[in-house]
Amino acid sequence: MANESSLHPSPNRTTTTAQFSDPSMSHNASTADVRAHFASLSKAAPRDRAFEEAFVRSKIHILETQTGLNSLHTASTTNQLRSLVARATTDEEAPPVPGGVGYGVFYEETFRSQFIAGTAILVDVIAPPKPGGNVSCWLYLTATNRSAKGVEAFIYYKGQDESRFMVYDWARAECDRWQTNLEFANLSDYFTSKTAHGTSYQVLTVQNQTTQTSDRIWMNNVWLYNYKLDRYDWVYSYEYIASEADQKQSDVGTWGPIVETFQDSFANTNELGFLDTYVQSSDSIDNWNDWSLLSPEQTTLRDDGLGFRQIFLDANYSFAVH
């Protein structure tokens, strides 16, 4: 696909519609503000406390087993996460160490920090209604946009019974990081079918952005593409105080699109993955560069040998596994 000059969606809280380019489309897409609607739906969703703790434990395991990270950053990040888990743990037996990364990419250290006042990721997540196979625990399809205080806007599966879209915001207070939580049934307007390597996949188009709006003020934004109404819907935002260093001096933000796992082996799952992962960044005066496909020079592949097999890899911006 040819790259296009992009106008990033405006984070201006008084503007609910805007025009911006999407490199996967031939036209500028409008946007609409549906944050209140998504927040209202999310309030009714049940909380899974065990999963919330396992989510953090998983990140500790992944970071401690990922090569090429800054050792000082890793130690600091994992110590903070351990403190968070310790405060949340009850007298009940702690859950086992999660399985890790079924397949996916991590950002190279140099590329990970190549932004000043903003960074964004745009991707089609291959998200079947159920994960299939022997998935009996949690499994999710997630990514960061490189910022340490950004969000994970991800697909969540719990066995074959629950399929959800969720947002975890690393910038919020530890007790308030779980935000958007919607069942697939509430997202019918946002799913579509796209073909890659001769196979049609159900996908969800997600744009995840972190941008500096003024001196030391940053904002996390998430958009989903609404295929029924042909527009991007602004589904989540959060504004907070941070420095550029805060966004980089942590190992949170080092993983790109990954299949994150919570059991030790997998067999006969449906096909999972990501299509056409684009990245974008801005300089100190809010000039956003063109969207560009994620490349092998910017990332490294990881496969923890849990049974997932590569169906295809377009290095390193698209992949599907089962």
Protein backbone atom coordinates (compact mmCIF):
# COMPACT_ATOMS: atom_id res chain seq x y z
CA MET A 1 0.00 0.00 0.00
CA ALA A 2 1.19 3.49 -0.70
CA ASN A 3 1.67 5.73 2.30
CA GLU A 4 -0.38 8.89 2.49
CA SER A 5 0.16 12.19 4.22
CA SER A 6 -1.82 12.03 7.45
CA LEU A 7 -3.76 14.46 9.56
CA HIS A 8 -4.06 12.77 12.96
CA PRO A 9 -7.47 12.82 14.62
CA SER A 10 -7.83 16.00 16.62
CA PRO A 11 -7.68 15.51 20.40
CA ASN A 12 -9.52 18.82 20.86
CA ARG A 13 -12.20 18.01 23.43
CA THR A 14 -14.62 20.56 21.98
CA THR A 15 -14.49 19.09 18.49
CA THR A 16 -16.43 15.87 17.94
CA THR A 17 -15.85 15.54 14.21
CA ALA A 18 -12.77 15.95 12.08
CA GLN A 19 -11.18 14.73 8.87
CA PHE A 20 -8.01 12.68 8.72
CA SER A 21 -6.34 10.29 6.33
CA ASP A 22 -6.15 6.55 6.82
CA PRO A 23 -3.41 4.84 4.77
CA SER A 24 -5.64 1.80 4.25
CA MET A 25 -8.35 3.86 2.54
CA SER A 26 -8.52 6.04 -0.53
CA HIS A 27 -10.32 8.90 1.17
CA ASN A 28 -10.34 11.00 4.31
CA ALA A 29 -12.54 9.49 7.00
CA SER A 30 -14.77 11.50 9.31
CA THR A 31 -14.75 10.96 13.06
CA ALA A 32 -17.40 11.04 15.77
CA ASP A 33 -17.18 11.23 19.54
CA VAL A 34 -18.78 8.14 21.15
CA ARG A 35 -16.70 8.10 24.34
CA ALA A 36 -19.66 8.60 26.67
CA HIS A 37 -21.58 5.77 24.99
CA PHE A 38 -18.65 3.36 25.28
CA ALA A 39 -18.07 4.35 28.92
CA SER A 40 -21.72 3.73 29.71
CA LEU A 41 -21.65 0.25 28.15
CA SER A 42 -18.41 -0.58 29.94
CA LYS A 43 -19.82 0.23 33.38
CA ALA A 44 -22.17 -2.73 33.11
CA ALA A 45 -19.38 -5.20 32.32
CA PRO A 46 -18.37 -7.61 35.10
CA ARG A 47 -14.85 -7.37 36.49
CA ASP A 48 -12.54 -10.38 36.46
CA ARG A 49 -10.18 -9.69 39.36
CA ALA A 50 -8.09 -12.79 38.70
CA PHE A 51 -7.53 -11.73 35.11
CA GLU A 52 -6.62 -8.18 36.14
CA GLU A 53 -3.88 -9.52 38.39
CA ALA A 54 -2.73 -12.04 35.79
CA PHE A 55 -2.50 -9.21 33.23
CA VAL A 56 0.20 -7.54 35.33
CA ARG A 57 1.96 -10.81 36.17
CA SER A 58 2.08 -11.57 32.46
CA LYS A 59 3.87 -8.31 31.73
CA ILE A 60 6.49 -9.07 34.39
CA HIS A 61 7.14 -12.47 32.83
CA ILE A 62 7.27 -11.11 29.28
CA LEU A 63 9.68 -8.29 30.12
CA GLU A 64 12.00 -10.51 32.16
CA THR A 65 12.24 -13.00 29.28
CA GLN A 66 12.56 -10.49 26.42
CA THR A 67 16.07 -10.00 25.05
CA GLY A 68 17.46 -6.65 23.95
CA LEU A 69 15.77 -4.46 26.57
CA ASN A 70 17.54 -1.88 28.71
CA SER A 71 18.35 -3.81 31.90
CA LEU A 72 17.96 -0.77 34.17
CA HIS A 73 14.56 0.04 32.66
CA THR A 74 13.47 -3.59 32.97
CA ALA A 75 14.42 -3.84 36.64
CA SER A 76 12.64 -0.57 37.47
CA THR A 77 9.52 -1.49 35.51
CA THR A 78 9.17 -5.01 36.88
CA ASN A 79 9.73 -3.83 40.46
CA GLN A 80 6.88 -1.35 40.04
CA LEU A 81 4.64 -4.05 38.59
CA ARG A 82 5.50 -6.46 41.40
CA SER A 83 4.49 -3.82 43.92
CA LEU A 84 1.18 -3.43 42.12
CA VAL A 85 0.55 -7.19 42.19
CA ALA A 86 1.57 -7.42 45.86
CA ARG A 87 -0.94 -4.76 46.85
CA ALA A 88 -3.71 -6.50 44.91
CA THR A 89 -2.97 -10.06 46.06
CA THR A 90 -5.24 -11.57 48.71
CA ASP A 91 -4.63 -14.62 50.85
CA GLU A 92 -5.72 -16.82 47.98
CA GLU A 93 -3.08 -18.73 46.06
CA ALA A 94 -1.43 -16.55 43.41
CA PRO A 95 -2.10 -17.56 39.81
CA PRO A 96 0.66 -19.39 37.93
CA VAL A 97 3.16 -17.57 35.75
CA PRO A 98 1.46 -16.90 32.38
CA GLY A 99 2.59 -18.67 29.24
CA GLY A 100 4.06 -15.57 27.57
CA VAL A 101 4.05 -14.62 23.88
CA GLY A 102 2.54 -17.04 21.43
CA TYR A 103 3.82 -14.95 18.54
CA GLY A 104 4.46 -11.28 17.78
CA VAL A 105 6.90 -8.41 17.53
CA PHE A 106 8.78 -6.17 19.94
CA TYR A 107 10.13 -2.75 19.02
CA GLU A 108 13.87 -2.36 18.64
CA GLU A 109 15.20 -0.06 21.36
CA THR A 110 16.24 2.75 19.02
CA PHE A 111 12.95 2.80 17.13
CA ARG A 112 10.94 2.54 20.32
CA SER A 113 12.12 6.03 21.39
CA GLN A 114 11.92 7.72 17.97
CA PHE A 115 9.14 10.15 18.83
CA ILE A 116 9.04 13.45 20.66
CA ALA A 117 5.50 14.75 21.15
CA GLY A 118 3.35 11.93 19.85
CA THR A 119 3.20 8.34 18.68
CA ALA A 120 0.42 6.22 17.18
CA ILE A 121 -0.30 2.75 15.87
CA LEU A 122 -3.03 1.74 13.40
CA VAL A 123 -3.80 -1.93 12.80
CA ASP A 124 -6.46 -4.41 11.70
CA VAL A 125 -6.69 -7.05 14.42
CA ILE A 126 -7.62 -10.53 13.17
CA ALA A 127 -10.26 -11.30 15.78
CA PRO A 128 -12.53 -14.33 15.17
CA PRO A 129 -15.68 -14.58 17.33
CA LYS A 130 -13.99 -17.30 19.40
CA PRO A 131 -10.34 -18.37 19.64
CA GLY A 132 -11.18 -22.02 18.99
CA GLY A 133 -8.97 -25.02 19.65
CA ASN A 134 -7.94 -25.82 23.20
CA VAL A 135 -7.96 -22.24 24.52
CA SER A 136 -9.27 -22.68 28.06
CA CYS A 137 -7.83 -19.62 29.79
CA TRP A 138 -7.23 -16.00 28.85
CA LEU A 139 -5.69 -15.06 25.53
CA TYR A 140 -5.49 -11.65 23.95
CA LEU A 141 -4.31 -9.74 20.93
CA THR A 142 -2.63 -6.55 22.07
CA ALA A 143 -0.11 -3.86 21.17
CA THR A 144 1.35 -0.62 22.49
CA ASN A 145 2.09 2.52 20.48
CA ARG A 146 5.63 2.75 22.01
CA SER A 147 4.70 5.20 24.80
CA ALA A 148 5.16 4.00 28.38
CA LYS A 149 2.03 5.80 29.56
CA GLY A 150 -0.13 4.94 26.59
CA VAL A 151 -2.86 2.32 26.45
CA GLU A 152 -3.37 -1.23 25.34
CA ALA A 153 -6.54 -1.38 23.26
CA PHE A 154 -6.90 -5.11 22.81
CA ILE A 155 -8.99 -8.18 22.08
CA TYR A 156 -9.69 -10.37 25.12
CA TYR A 157 -10.74 -14.01 25.06
CA LYS A 158 -11.61 -16.09 28.11
CA GLY A 159 -11.75 -19.66 26.91
CA GLN A 160 -14.51 -20.02 24.34
CA ASP A 161 -17.10 -18.14 26.41
CA GLU A 162 -16.05 -14.47 26.43
CA SER A 163 -14.82 -12.25 23.60
CA ARG A 164 -14.32 -8.57 24.39
CA PHE A 165 -12.60 -5.35 23.37
CA MET A 166 -10.83 -3.73 26.32
CA VAL A 167 -8.66 -0.72 27.13
CA TYR A 168 -5.98 -0.71 29.82
CA ASP A 169 -4.52 2.76 30.43
CA TRP A 170 -0.99 2.78 31.83
CA ALA A 171 -1.22 6.53 32.63
CA ARG A 172 -4.04 6.24 35.13
CA ALA A 173 -3.83 5.52 38.84
CA GLU A 174 -3.24 1.83 39.51
CA CYS A 175 -6.79 1.31 40.80
CA ASP A 176 -8.36 2.91 37.72
CA ARG A 177 -6.52 1.53 34.70
CA TRP A 178 -9.26 -0.78 33.43
CA GLN A 179 -11.53 1.33 31.26
CA THR A 180 -13.32 0.18 28.11
CA ASN A 181 -14.83 -3.31 28.34
CA LEU A 182 -17.28 -4.32 25.60
CA GLU A 183 -18.55 -7.67 24.42
CA PHE A 184 -18.25 -8.44 20.71
CA ALA A 185 -22.05 -8.26 20.54
CA ASN A 186 -21.79 -4.50 21.08
CA LEU A 187 -19.26 -4.09 18.28
CA SER A 188 -21.06 -5.41 15.21
CA ASP A 189 -20.69 -2.06 13.39
CA TYR A 190 -16.92 -2.18 13.85
CA PHE A 191 -16.12 -5.62 12.49
CA THR A 192 -15.54 -6.29 8.81
CA SER A 193 -13.95 -8.94 6.62
CA LYS A 194 -10.61 -8.40 4.92
CA THR A 195 -8.65 -10.80 2.74
CA ALA A 196 -4.96 -11.56 3.16
CA HIS A 197 -3.04 -14.29 1.35
CA GLY A 198 -6.25 -15.71 -0.07
CA THR A 199 -8.09 -16.02 3.25
CA SER A 200 -10.91 -13.82 4.55
CA TYR A 201 -10.56 -12.70 8.16
CA GLN A 202 -12.86 -10.91 10.59
CA VAL A 203 -10.98 -7.79 11.69
CA LEU A 204 -11.35 -4.84 14.03
CA THR A 205 -9.57 -1.63 12.96
CA VAL A 206 -7.95 0.09 15.94
CA GLN A 207 -6.01 3.35 16.15
CA ASN A 208 -4.14 3.96 19.41
CA GLN A 209 -2.47 7.35 19.88
CA THR A 210 -0.55 9.19 22.60
CA THR A 211 0.05 12.89 21.96
CA GLN A 212 1.35 15.92 23.84
CA THR A 213 -1.34 18.60 23.81
CA SER A 214 0.60 21.31 25.70
CA ASP A 215 3.60 21.65 27.99
CA ARG A 216 3.77 18.42 30.08
CA ILE A 217 0.17 17.56 29.21
CA TRP A 218 -0.37 14.34 27.27
CA MET A 219 -3.48 12.61 26.01
CA ASN A 220 -4.22 8.98 25.23
CA ASN A 221 -6.80 8.38 22.47
CA VAL A 222 -8.38 5.29 20.95
CA TRP A 223 -10.47 5.16 17.77
CA LEU A 224 -12.32 2.23 16.20
CA TYR A 225 -13.37 2.28 12.58
CA ASN A 226 -17.15 2.11 12.18
CA TYR A 227 -17.72 0.22 8.93
CA LYS A 228 -21.48 0.72 9.02
CA LEU A 229 -21.19 4.53 9.14
CA ASP A 230 -17.84 4.84 7.30
CA ARG A 231 -16.07 6.84 9.99
CA TYR A 232 -13.66 6.60 12.90
CA ASP A 233 -15.37 6.62 16.30
CA TRP A 234 -13.46 8.23 19.15
CA VAL A 235 -14.08 5.66 21.87
CA TYR A 236 -11.64 6.59 24.64
CA SER A 237 -9.39 9.40 25.87
CA TYR A 238 -7.49 10.40 28.99
CA GLU A 239 -5.42 13.52 29.67
CA TYR A 240 -2.57 13.54 32.20
CA ILE A 241 0.72 15.14 33.25
CA ALA A 242 3.95 13.56 32.03
CA SER A 243 7.33 14.36 30.52
CA GLU A 244 8.90 13.00 27.36
CA ALA A 245 11.23 10.97 29.60
CA ASP A 246 8.22 9.45 31.38
CA GLN A 247 7.04 8.12 28.02
CA LYS A 248 10.37 6.42 27.27
CA GLN A 249 12.18 5.42 30.46
CA SER A 250 10.20 2.26 31.09
CA ASP A 251 9.84 -1.07 29.34
CA VAL A 252 6.10 -0.60 29.13
CA GLY A 253 5.66 0.32 25.47
CA THR A 254 8.23 -2.09 24.07
CA TRP A 255 5.82 -4.66 22.62
CA GLY A 256 4.16 -4.19 19.26
CA PRO A 257 1.38 -6.49 18.03
CA ILE A 258 1.54 -9.77 19.98
CA VAL A 259 -0.58 -12.81 20.77
CA GLU A 260 -0.30 -12.87 24.56
CA THR A 261 -1.00 -16.17 26.26
CA PHE A 262 -1.88 -17.61 29.68
CA GLN A 263 -1.47 -21.34 29.17
CA ASP A 264 1.51 -23.45 28.23
CA SER A 265 0.43 -25.04 24.95
CA PHE A 266 -2.08 -24.48 22.17
CA ALA A 267 -3.59 -26.65 19.45
CA ASN A 268 -6.12 -26.20 16.64
CA THR A 269 -6.98 -22.58 17.37
CA ASN A 270 -8.63 -20.32 14.87
CA GLU A 271 -6.35 -18.02 12.91
CA LEU A 272 -5.27 -14.97 14.93
CA GLY A 273 -3.03 -12.01 14.21
CA PHE A 274 -2.70 -8.51 12.81
CA LEU A 275 -2.91 -6.99 9.32
CA ASP A 276 -1.15 -3.89 8.01
CA THR A 277 0.36 -2.40 11.16
CA TYR A 278 1.12 1.29 10.57
CA VAL A 279 3.07 3.57 12.90
CA GLN A 280 3.37 7.33 13.08
CA SER A 281 5.09 9.93 15.27
CA SER A 282 5.23 13.68 15.78
CA ASP A 283 8.01 16.14 16.48
CA SER A 284 8.19 18.88 19.11
CA ILE A 285 5.94 21.23 17.14
CA ASP A 286 3.20 18.69 16.43
CA ASN A 287 4.24 17.84 12.89
CA TRP A 288 3.09 14.26 12.31
CA ASN A 289 5.02 12.24 9.75
CA ASP A 290 3.38 9.94 7.22
CA TRP A 291 2.00 6.60 8.33
CA SER A 292 4.50 3.84 7.54
CA LEU A 293 4.26 0.07 7.71
CA LEU A 294 6.14 -1.55 10.56
CA SER A 295 9.43 -2.97 9.26
CA PRO A 296 11.97 -5.67 10.24
CA GLU A 297 14.50 -2.94 10.99
CA GLN A 298 12.15 -1.52 13.64
CA THR A 299 11.12 -4.78 15.28
CA THR A 300 12.17 -8.24 16.37
CA LEU A 301 10.00 -11.36 16.24
CA ARG A 302 9.23 -13.42 19.32
CA ASP A 303 7.79 -16.93 19.53
CA ASP A 304 7.82 -18.68 22.91
CA GLY A 305 7.20 -22.11 21.37
CA LEU A 306 3.71 -22.60 22.79
CA GLY A 307 2.30 -24.35 19.74
CA PHE A 308 1.35 -21.45 17.47
CA ARG A 309 2.41 -21.87 13.85
CA GLN A 310 2.93 -19.08 11.35
CA ILE A 311 0.44 -19.01 8.49
CA PHE A 312 2.03 -16.00 6.87
CA LEU A 313 4.35 -13.14 7.77
CA ASP A 314 4.68 -9.89 5.83
CA ALA A 315 7.75 -8.68 7.68
CA ASN A 316 6.91 -7.32 10.11
CA TYR A 317 3.62 -5.50 9.67
CA SER A 318 1.21 -8.41 9.11
CA PHE A 319 1.02 -11.94 10.41
CA ALA A 320 -1.44 -14.72 11.13
CA VAL A 321 -0.87 -17.78 13.30
CA HIS A 322 -2.85 -20.77 14.54
